[in-house]
Amino acid sequence: MIKDAGCNNQRLNKARFIQFFVMLALWGMSYSTVLAKCYTYDDACRLMRVDYDNGKSIAYTYDKNGNLLKKESGNSCDVILPQTLDE
């Protein structure tokens, strides 16, 4: 009996491709899983800040009409607290 070597090579290549794809997908899921742990909103229910588990944050600034003016990213340690007036 003569076995078809080409067929075995195709199966091996297909198995390697599937193995590579699964490993790539698992790596991508583990790398991109960064969850937000804190959302901050203003009195008009606009998103002002998002803090992530990895220490990064995004701050949003709006104009008086509610249009987004600025989106800044940085570290959660860079928290600037609003000033209050003491009477």
PDB file of N, CA and C in Angstrom:
ATOM      1  N   MET A   1       0.827  -1.180   0.000  1.00  0.00           N
ATOM      2  CA  MET A   1       0.000   0.000   0.000  1.00  0.00           C
ATOM      3  C   MET A   1       0.875   1.248   0.000  1.00  0.00           C
ATOM      4  N   ILE A   2       0.461   2.223  -0.771  1.00  0.00           N
ATOM      5  CA  ILE A   2       1.170   3.489  -0.825  1.00  0.00           C
ATOM      6  C   ILE A   2       0.275   4.555  -0.210  1.00  0.00           C
ATOM      7  N   LYS A   3       0.791   5.223   0.783  1.00  0.00           N
ATOM      8  CA  LYS A   3       0.030   6.295   1.432  1.00  0.00           C
ATOM      9  C   LYS A   3       0.296   7.602   0.708  1.00  0.00           C
ATOM     10  N   ASP A   4      -0.698   8.434   0.671  1.00  0.00           N
ATOM     11  CA  ASP A   4      -0.573   9.737   0.018  1.00  0.00           C
ATOM     12  C   ASP A   4       0.087  10.706   0.992  1.00  0.00           C
ATOM     13  N   ALA A   5       1.361  11.039   0.769  1.00  0.00           N
ATOM     14  CA  ALA A   5       2.114  11.927   1.649  1.00  0.00           C
ATOM     15  C   ALA A   5       1.551  13.340   1.597  1.00  0.00           C
ATOM     16  N   GLY A   6       1.028  13.759   0.471  1.00  0.00           N
ATOM     17  CA  GLY A   6       0.460  15.101   0.337  1.00  0.00           C
ATOM     18  C   GLY A   6      -0.728  15.308   1.251  1.00  0.00           C
ATOM     19  N   CYS A   7      -1.553  14.295   1.395  1.00  0.00           N
ATOM     20  CA  CYS A   7      -2.733  14.382   2.265  1.00  0.00           C
ATOM     21  C   CYS A   7      -2.307  14.540   3.718  1.00  0.00           C
ATOM     22  N   ASN A   8      -1.278  13.783   4.141  1.00  0.00           N
ATOM     23  CA  ASN A   8      -0.787  13.885   5.515  1.00  0.00           C
ATOM     24  C   ASN A   8      -0.201  15.261   5.784  1.00  0.00           C
ATOM     25  N   ASN A   9       0.505  15.824   4.795  1.00  0.00           N
ATOM     26  CA  ASN A   9       1.066  17.158   4.956  1.00  0.00           C
ATOM     27  C   ASN A   9      -0.028  18.210   5.093  1.00  0.00           C
ATOM     28  N   GLN A  10      -1.097  18.048   4.339  1.00  0.00           N
ATOM     29  CA  GLN A  10      -2.217  18.986   4.426  1.00  0.00           C
ATOM     30  C   GLN A  10      -2.860  18.929   5.801  1.00  0.00           C
ATOM     31  N   ARG A  11      -3.036  17.737   6.325  1.00  0.00           N
ATOM     32  CA  ARG A  11      -3.622  17.589   7.665  1.00  0.00           C
ATOM     33  C   ARG A  11      -2.719  18.212   8.725  1.00  0.00           C
ATOM     34  N   LEU A  12      -1.411  17.971   8.591  1.00  0.00           N
ATOM     35  CA  LEU A  12      -0.460  18.524   9.541  1.00  0.00           C
ATOM     36  C   LEU A  12      -0.463  20.053   9.477  1.00  0.00           C
ATOM     37  N   ASN A  13      -0.472  20.611   8.279  1.00  0.00           N
ATOM     38  CA  ASN A  13      -0.514  22.067   8.127  1.00  0.00           C
ATOM     39  C   ASN A  13      -1.799  22.652   8.696  1.00  0.00           C
ATOM     40  N   LYS A  14      -2.916  21.965   8.470  1.00  0.00           N
ATOM     41  CA  LYS A  14      -4.200  22.435   9.003  1.00  0.00           C
ATOM     42  C   LYS A  14      -4.181  22.390  10.529  1.00  0.00           C
ATOM     43  N   ALA A  15      -3.627  21.332  11.098  1.00  0.00           N
ATOM     44  CA  ALA A  15      -3.550  21.214  12.559  1.00  0.00           C
ATOM     45  C   ALA A  15      -2.651  22.303  13.139  1.00  0.00           C
ATOM     46  N   ARG A  16      -1.532  22.583  12.478  1.00  0.00           N
ATOM     47  CA  ARG A  16      -0.641  23.644  12.956  1.00  0.00           C
ATOM     48  C   ARG A  16      -1.320  25.004  12.868  1.00  0.00           C
ATOM     49  N   PHE A  17      -2.058  25.233  11.778  1.00  0.00           N
ATOM     50  CA  PHE A  17      -2.770  26.505  11.632  1.00  0.00           C
ATOM     51  C   PHE A  17      -3.804  26.675  12.736  1.00  0.00           C
ATOM     52  N   ILE A  18      -4.557  25.657  13.025  1.00  0.00           N
ATOM     53  CA  ILE A  18      -5.577  25.726  14.081  1.00  0.00           C
ATOM     54  C   ILE A  18      -4.915  25.958  15.434  1.00  0.00           C
ATOM     55  N   GLN A  19      -3.818  25.255  15.696  1.00  0.00           N
ATOM     56  CA  GLN A  19      -3.102  25.435  16.958  1.00  0.00           C
ATOM     57  C   GLN A  19      -2.582  26.871  17.073  1.00  0.00           C
ATOM     58  N   PHE A  20      -2.007  27.390  16.011  1.00  0.00           N
ATOM     59  CA  PHE A  20      -1.503  28.764  16.008  1.00  0.00           C
ATOM     60  C   PHE A  20      -2.635  29.753  16.229  1.00  0.00           C
ATOM     61  N   PHE A  21      -3.765  29.577  15.557  1.00  0.00           N
ATOM     62  CA  PHE A  21      -4.904  30.481  15.687  1.00  0.00           C
ATOM     63  C   PHE A  21      -5.452  30.476  17.115  1.00  0.00           C
ATOM     64  N   VAL A  22      -5.569  29.310  17.722  1.00  0.00           N
ATOM     65  CA  VAL A  22      -6.080  29.209  19.091  1.00  0.00           C
ATOM     66  C   VAL A  22      -5.117  29.896  20.066  1.00  0.00           C
ATOM     67  N   MET A  23      -3.817  29.677  19.894  1.00  0.00           N
ATOM     68  CA  MET A  23      -2.837  30.310  20.776  1.00  0.00           C
ATOM     69  C   MET A  23      -2.870  31.833  20.608  1.00  0.00           C
ATOM     70  N   LEU A  24      -2.995  32.299  19.376  1.00  0.00           N
ATOM     71  CA  LEU A  24      -3.062  33.729  19.120  1.00  0.00           C
ATOM     72  C   LEU A  24      -4.320  34.340  19.742  1.00  0.00           C
ATOM     73  N   ALA A  25      -5.442  33.657  19.621  1.00  0.00           N
ATOM     74  CA  ALA A  25      -6.695  34.151  20.198  1.00  0.00           C
ATOM     75  C   ALA A  25      -6.607  34.210  21.722  1.00  0.00           C
ATOM     76  N   LEU A  26      -6.049  33.185  22.342  1.00  0.00           N
ATOM     77  CA  LEU A  26      -5.915  33.179  23.804  1.00  0.00           C
ATOM     78  C   LEU A  26      -4.961  34.270  24.269  1.00  0.00           C
ATOM     79  N   TRP A  27      -3.868  34.488  23.557  1.00  0.00           N
ATOM     80  CA  TRP A  27      -2.934  35.547  23.906  1.00  0.00           C
ATOM     81  C   TRP A  27      -3.604  36.904  23.780  1.00  0.00           C
ATOM     82  N   GLY A  28      -4.371  37.103  22.724  1.00  0.00           N
ATOM     83  CA  GLY A  28      -5.064  38.369  22.517  1.00  0.00           C
ATOM     84  C   GLY A  28      -6.073  38.653  23.609  1.00  0.00           C
ATOM     85  N   MET A  29      -6.795  37.632  24.040  1.00  0.00           N
ATOM     86  CA  MET A  29      -7.786  37.832  25.101  1.00  0.00           C
ATOM     87  C   MET A  29      -7.105  38.177  26.414  1.00  0.00           C
ATOM     88  N   SER A  30      -6.011  37.528  26.727  1.00  0.00           N
ATOM     89  CA  SER A  30      -5.345  37.804  27.991  1.00  0.00           C
ATOM     90  C   SER A  30      -4.650  39.160  27.963  1.00  0.00           C
ATOM     91  N   TYR A  31      -4.192  39.585  26.807  1.00  0.00           N
ATOM     92  CA  TYR A  31      -3.484  40.861  26.687  1.00  0.00           C
ATOM     93  C   TYR A  31      -4.442  42.039  26.725  1.00  0.00           C
ATOM     94  N   SER A  32      -5.611  41.887  26.148  1.00  0.00           N
ATOM     95  CA  SER A  32      -6.517  43.024  26.008  1.00  0.00           C
ATOM     96  C   SER A  32      -7.575  43.119  27.101  1.00  0.00           C
ATOM     97  N   THR A  33      -7.519  42.254  28.085  1.00  0.00           N
ATOM     98  CA  THR A  33      -8.513  42.282  29.140  1.00  0.00           C
ATOM     99  C   THR A  33      -8.095  43.270  30.222  1.00  0.00           C
ATOM    100  N   VAL A  34      -8.475  44.522  30.025  1.00  0.00           N
ATOM    101  CA  VAL A  34      -8.246  45.568  31.013  1.00  0.00           C
ATOM    102  C   VAL A  34      -9.612  46.141  31.337  1.00  0.00           C
ATOM    103  N   LEU A  35     -10.039  45.951  32.541  1.00  0.00           N
ATOM    104  CA  LEU A  35     -11.386  46.355  32.923  1.00  0.00           C
ATOM    105  C   LEU A  35     -11.385  47.710  33.620  1.00  0.00           C
ATOM    106  N   ALA A  36     -12.388  48.484  33.315  1.00  0.00           N
ATOM    107  CA  ALA A  36     -12.566  49.755  34.016  1.00  0.00           C
ATOM    108  C   ALA A  36     -13.065  49.448  35.425  1.00  0.00           C
ATOM    109  N   LYS A  37     -12.488  50.122  36.408  1.00  0.00           N
ATOM    110  CA  LYS A  37     -12.930  49.859  37.775  1.00  0.00           C
ATOM    111  C   LYS A  37     -13.709  51.018  38.373  1.00  0.00           C
ATOM    112  N   CYS A  38     -13.657  52.193  37.717  1.00  0.00           N
ATOM    113  CA  CYS A  38     -14.369  53.325  38.273  1.00  0.00           C
ATOM    114  C   CYS A  38     -14.772  54.293  37.164  1.00  0.00           C
ATOM    115  N   TYR A  39     -16.035  54.647  37.143  1.00  0.00           N
ATOM    116  CA  TYR A  39     -16.558  55.651  36.223  1.00  0.00           C
ATOM    117  C   TYR A  39     -17.007  56.853  37.045  1.00  0.00           C
ATOM    118  N   THR A  40     -16.660  58.064  36.609  1.00  0.00           N
ATOM    119  CA  THR A  40     -17.065  59.279  37.304  1.00  0.00           C
ATOM    120  C   THR A  40     -17.889  60.137  36.357  1.00  0.00           C
ATOM    121  N   TYR A  41     -19.048  60.603  36.838  1.00  0.00           N
ATOM    122  CA  TYR A  41     -19.964  61.414  36.041  1.00  0.00           C
ATOM    123  C   TYR A  41     -20.167  62.768  36.713  1.00  0.00           C
ATOM    124  N   ASP A  42     -20.505  63.791  35.921  1.00  0.00           N
ATOM    125  CA  ASP A  42     -20.818  65.099  36.501  1.00  0.00           C
ATOM    126  C   ASP A  42     -22.318  65.187  36.775  1.00  0.00           C
ATOM    127  N   ASP A  43     -22.783  66.359  37.215  1.00  0.00           N
ATOM    128  CA  ASP A  43     -24.199  66.541  37.561  1.00  0.00           C
ATOM    129  C   ASP A  43     -25.125  66.416  36.355  1.00  0.00           C
ATOM    130  N   ALA A  44     -24.586  66.611  35.140  1.00  0.00           N
ATOM    131  CA  ALA A  44     -25.383  66.479  33.916  1.00  0.00           C
ATOM    132  C   ALA A  44     -25.292  65.065  33.341  1.00  0.00           C
ATOM    133  N   CYS A  45     -24.783  64.129  34.134  1.00  0.00           N
ATOM    134  CA  CYS A  45     -24.646  62.715  33.753  1.00  0.00           C
ATOM    135  C   CYS A  45     -23.691  62.499  32.576  1.00  0.00           C
ATOM    136  N   ARG A  46     -22.710  63.386  32.441  1.00  0.00           N
ATOM    137  CA  ARG A  46     -21.684  63.204  31.407  1.00  0.00           C
ATOM    138  C   ARG A  46     -20.504  62.464  32.013  1.00  0.00           C
ATOM    139  N   LEU A  47     -19.940  61.566  31.243  1.00  0.00           N
ATOM    140  CA  LEU A  47     -18.778  60.821  31.693  1.00  0.00           C
ATOM    141  C   LEU A  47     -17.594  61.766  31.816  1.00  0.00           C
ATOM    142  N   MET A  48     -17.007  61.835  33.006  1.00  0.00           N
ATOM    143  CA  MET A  48     -15.887  62.741  33.252  1.00  0.00           C
ATOM    144  C   MET A  48     -14.552  62.002  33.326  1.00  0.00           C
ATOM    145  N   ARG A  49     -14.577  60.774  33.844  1.00  0.00           N
ATOM    146  CA  ARG A  49     -13.316  60.050  34.051  1.00  0.00           C
ATOM    147  C   ARG A  49     -13.579  58.553  34.103  1.00  0.00           C
ATOM    148  N   VAL A  50     -12.631  57.795  33.562  1.00  0.00           N
ATOM    149  CA  VAL A  50     -12.650  56.343  33.656  1.00  0.00           C
ATOM    150  C   VAL A  50     -11.291  55.911  34.178  1.00  0.00           C
ATOM    151  N   ASP A  51     -11.280  55.136  35.253  1.00  0.00           N
ATOM    152  CA  ASP A  51     -10.049  54.587  35.815  1.00  0.00           C
ATOM    153  C   ASP A  51     -10.030  53.089  35.558  1.00  0.00           C
ATOM    154  N   TYR A  52      -8.892  52.587  35.066  1.00  0.00           N
ATOM    155  CA  TYR A  52      -8.753  51.178  34.702  1.00  0.00           C
ATOM    156  C   TYR A  52      -7.906  50.424  35.716  1.00  0.00           C
ATOM    157  N   ASP A  53      -8.040  49.102  35.709  1.00  0.00           N
ATOM    158  CA  ASP A  53      -7.296  48.230  36.624  1.00  0.00           C
ATOM    159  C   ASP A  53      -5.790  48.350  36.451  1.00  0.00           C
ATOM    160  N   ASN A  54      -5.324  48.689  35.264  1.00  0.00           N
ATOM    161  CA  ASN A  54      -3.885  48.750  35.013  1.00  0.00           C
ATOM    162  C   ASN A  54      -3.268  50.083  35.428  1.00  0.00           C
ATOM    163  N   GLY A  55      -4.038  50.961  36.094  1.00  0.00           N
ATOM    164  CA  GLY A  55      -3.525  52.235  36.570  1.00  0.00           C
ATOM    165  C   GLY A  55      -3.708  53.387  35.601  1.00  0.00           C
ATOM    166  N   LYS A  56      -4.167  53.108  34.413  1.00  0.00           N
ATOM    167  CA  LYS A  56      -4.390  54.162  33.421  1.00  0.00           C
ATOM    168  C   LYS A  56      -5.768  54.781  33.638  1.00  0.00           C
ATOM    169  N   SER A  57      -5.938  55.982  33.106  1.00  0.00           N
ATOM    170  CA  SER A  57      -7.228  56.664  33.226  1.00  0.00           C
ATOM    171  C   SER A  57      -7.456  57.517  31.991  1.00  0.00           C
ATOM    172  N   ILE A  58      -8.703  57.879  31.771  1.00  0.00           N
ATOM    173  CA  ILE A  58      -9.085  58.788  30.697  1.00  0.00           C
ATOM    174  C   ILE A  58      -9.995  59.845  31.306  1.00  0.00           C
ATOM    175  N   ALA A  59      -9.673  61.099  31.064  1.00  0.00           N
ATOM    176  CA  ALA A  59     -10.480  62.216  31.570  1.00  0.00           C
ATOM    177  C   ALA A  59     -11.102  62.942  30.383  1.00  0.00           C
ATOM    178  N   TYR A  60     -12.354  63.340  30.536  1.00  0.00           N
ATOM    179  CA  TYR A  60     -13.099  64.013  29.477  1.00  0.00           C
ATOM    180  C   TYR A  60     -13.467  65.421  29.931  1.00  0.00           C
ATOM    181  N   THR A  61     -13.369  66.392  29.010  1.00  0.00           N
ATOM    182  CA  THR A  61     -13.731  67.777  29.291  1.00  0.00           C
ATOM    183  C   THR A  61     -14.778  68.205  28.270  1.00  0.00           C
ATOM    184  N   TYR A  62     -15.824  68.884  28.752  1.00  0.00           N
ATOM    185  CA  TYR A  62     -16.939  69.301  27.900  1.00  0.00           C
ATOM    186  C   TYR A  62     -17.099  70.815  27.952  1.00  0.00           C
ATOM    187  N   ASP A  63     -17.707  71.384  26.903  1.00  0.00           N
ATOM    188  CA  ASP A  63     -18.056  72.803  26.949  1.00  0.00           C
ATOM    189  C   ASP A  63     -19.417  72.960  27.626  1.00  0.00           C
ATOM    190  N   LYS A  64     -19.915  74.195  27.734  1.00  0.00           N
ATOM    191  CA  LYS A  64     -21.173  74.429  28.452  1.00  0.00           C
ATOM    192  C   LYS A  64     -22.385  73.822  27.749  1.00  0.00           C
ATOM    193  N   ASN A  65     -22.242  73.505  26.454  1.00  0.00           N
ATOM    194  CA  ASN A  65     -23.338  72.870  25.712  1.00  0.00           C
ATOM    195  C   ASN A  65     -23.264  71.347  25.733  1.00  0.00           C
ATOM    196  N   GLY A  66     -22.255  70.807  26.403  1.00  0.00           N
ATOM    197  CA  GLY A  66     -22.137  69.360  26.514  1.00  0.00           C
ATOM    198  C   GLY A  66     -21.331  68.711  25.401  1.00  0.00           C
ATOM    199  N   ASN A  67     -20.676  69.524  24.560  1.00  0.00           N
ATOM    200  CA  ASN A  67     -19.843  68.979  23.496  1.00  0.00           C
ATOM    201  C   ASN A  67     -18.472  68.594  24.054  1.00  0.00           C
ATOM    202  N   LEU A  68     -17.988  67.461  23.635  1.00  0.00           N
ATOM    203  CA  LEU A  68     -16.691  66.994  24.103  1.00  0.00           C
ATOM    204  C   LEU A  68     -15.591  67.892  23.557  1.00  0.00           C
ATOM    205  N   LEU A  69     -14.796  68.469  24.447  1.00  0.00           N
ATOM    206  CA  LEU A  69     -13.689  69.339  24.058  1.00  0.00           C
ATOM    207  C   LEU A  69     -12.356  68.608  24.068  1.00  0.00           C
ATOM    208  N   LYS A  70     -12.159  67.774  25.090  1.00  0.00           N
ATOM    209  CA  LYS A  70     -10.853  67.169  25.281  1.00  0.00           C
ATOM    210  C   LYS A  70     -10.986  65.789  25.894  1.00  0.00           C
ATOM    211  N   LYS A  71     -10.104  64.901  25.462  1.00  0.00           N
ATOM    212  CA  LYS A  71     -10.006  63.557  26.031  1.00  0.00           C
ATOM    213  C   LYS A  71      -8.534  63.338  26.350  1.00  0.00           C
ATOM    214  N   GLU A  72      -8.217  63.180  27.627  1.00  0.00           N
ATOM    215  CA  GLU A  72      -6.836  63.029  28.062  1.00  0.00           C
ATOM    216  C   GLU A  72      -6.648  61.682  28.736  1.00  0.00           C
ATOM    217  N   SER A  73      -5.538  61.044  28.441  1.00  0.00           N
ATOM    218  CA  SER A  73      -5.239  59.785  29.112  1.00  0.00           C
ATOM    219  C   SER A  73      -3.980  59.956  29.938  1.00  0.00           C
ATOM    220  N   GLY A  74      -3.915  59.189  31.013  1.00  0.00           N
ATOM    221  CA  GLY A  74      -2.770  59.262  31.913  1.00  0.00           C
ATOM    222  C   GLY A  74      -2.836  58.172  32.946  1.00  0.00           C
ATOM    223  N   ASN A  75      -2.125  58.368  34.030  1.00  0.00           N
ATOM    224  CA  ASN A  75      -2.121  57.418  35.138  1.00  0.00           C
ATOM    225  C   ASN A  75      -3.159  57.823  36.163  1.00  0.00           C
ATOM    226  N   SER A  76      -3.742  56.851  36.847  1.00  0.00           N
ATOM    227  CA  SER A  76      -4.736  57.133  37.879  1.00  0.00           C
ATOM    228  C   SER A  76      -4.128  57.907  39.032  1.00  0.00           C
ATOM    229  N   CYS A  77      -2.801  57.853  39.193  1.00  0.00           N
ATOM    230  CA  CYS A  77      -2.157  58.591  40.279  1.00  0.00           C
ATOM    231  C   CYS A  77      -2.231  60.095  40.041  1.00  0.00           C
ATOM    232  N   ASP A  78      -2.464  60.490  38.800  1.00  0.00           N
ATOM    233  CA  ASP A  78      -2.482  61.909  38.460  1.00  0.00           C
ATOM    234  C   ASP A  78      -3.857  62.525  38.713  1.00  0.00           C
ATOM    235  N   VAL A  79      -4.465  62.211  39.835  1.00  0.00           N
ATOM    236  CA  VAL A  79      -5.813  62.691  40.145  1.00  0.00           C
ATOM    237  C   VAL A  79      -5.748  64.148  40.596  1.00  0.00           C
ATOM    238  N   ILE A  80      -6.543  64.979  39.963  1.00  0.00           N
ATOM    239  CA  ILE A  80      -6.651  66.383  40.368  1.00  0.00           C
ATOM    240  C   ILE A  80      -8.038  66.565  40.963  1.00  0.00           C
ATOM    241  N   LEU A  81      -8.089  66.839  42.242  1.00  0.00           N
ATOM    242  CA  LEU A  81      -9.364  66.991  42.928  1.00  0.00           C
ATOM    243  C   LEU A  81      -9.881  68.406  42.732  1.00  0.00           C
ATOM    244  N   PRO A  82     -11.192  68.584  42.603  1.00  0.00           N
ATOM    245  CA  PRO A  82     -11.742  69.933  42.447  1.00  0.00           C
ATOM    246  C   PRO A  82     -11.513  70.750  43.713  1.00  0.00           C
ATOM    247  N   GLN A  83     -11.276  72.024  43.523  1.00  0.00           N
ATOM    248  CA  GLN A  83     -11.074  72.908  44.672  1.00  0.00           C
ATOM    249  C   GLN A  83     -12.426  73.301  45.253  1.00  0.00           C
ATOM    250  N   THR A  84     -12.467  73.419  46.549  1.00  0.00           N
ATOM    251  CA  THR A  84     -13.692  73.863  47.208  1.00  0.00           C
ATOM    252  C   THR A  84     -13.403  75.181  47.912  1.00  0.00           C
ATOM    253  N   LEU A  85     -14.405  75.999  47.963  1.00  0.00           N
ATOM    254  CA  LEU A  85     -14.264  77.295  48.643  1.00  0.00           C
ATOM    255  C   LEU A  85     -14.707  77.151  50.086  1.00  0.00           C
ATOM    256  N   ASP A  86     -13.830  77.484  50.987  1.00  0.00           N
ATOM    257  CA  ASP A  86     -14.173  77.444  52.400  1.00  0.00           C
ATOM    258  C   ASP A  86     -14.741  78.787  52.812  1.00  0.00           C
ATOM    259  N   GLU A  87     -15.892  78.769  53.415  1.00  0.00           N
ATOM    260  CA  GLU A  87     -16.530  80.031  53.847  1.00  0.00           C
ATOM    261  C   GLU A  87     -16.339  80.229  55.312  1.00  0.00           C
TER     262      GLU A  87
END
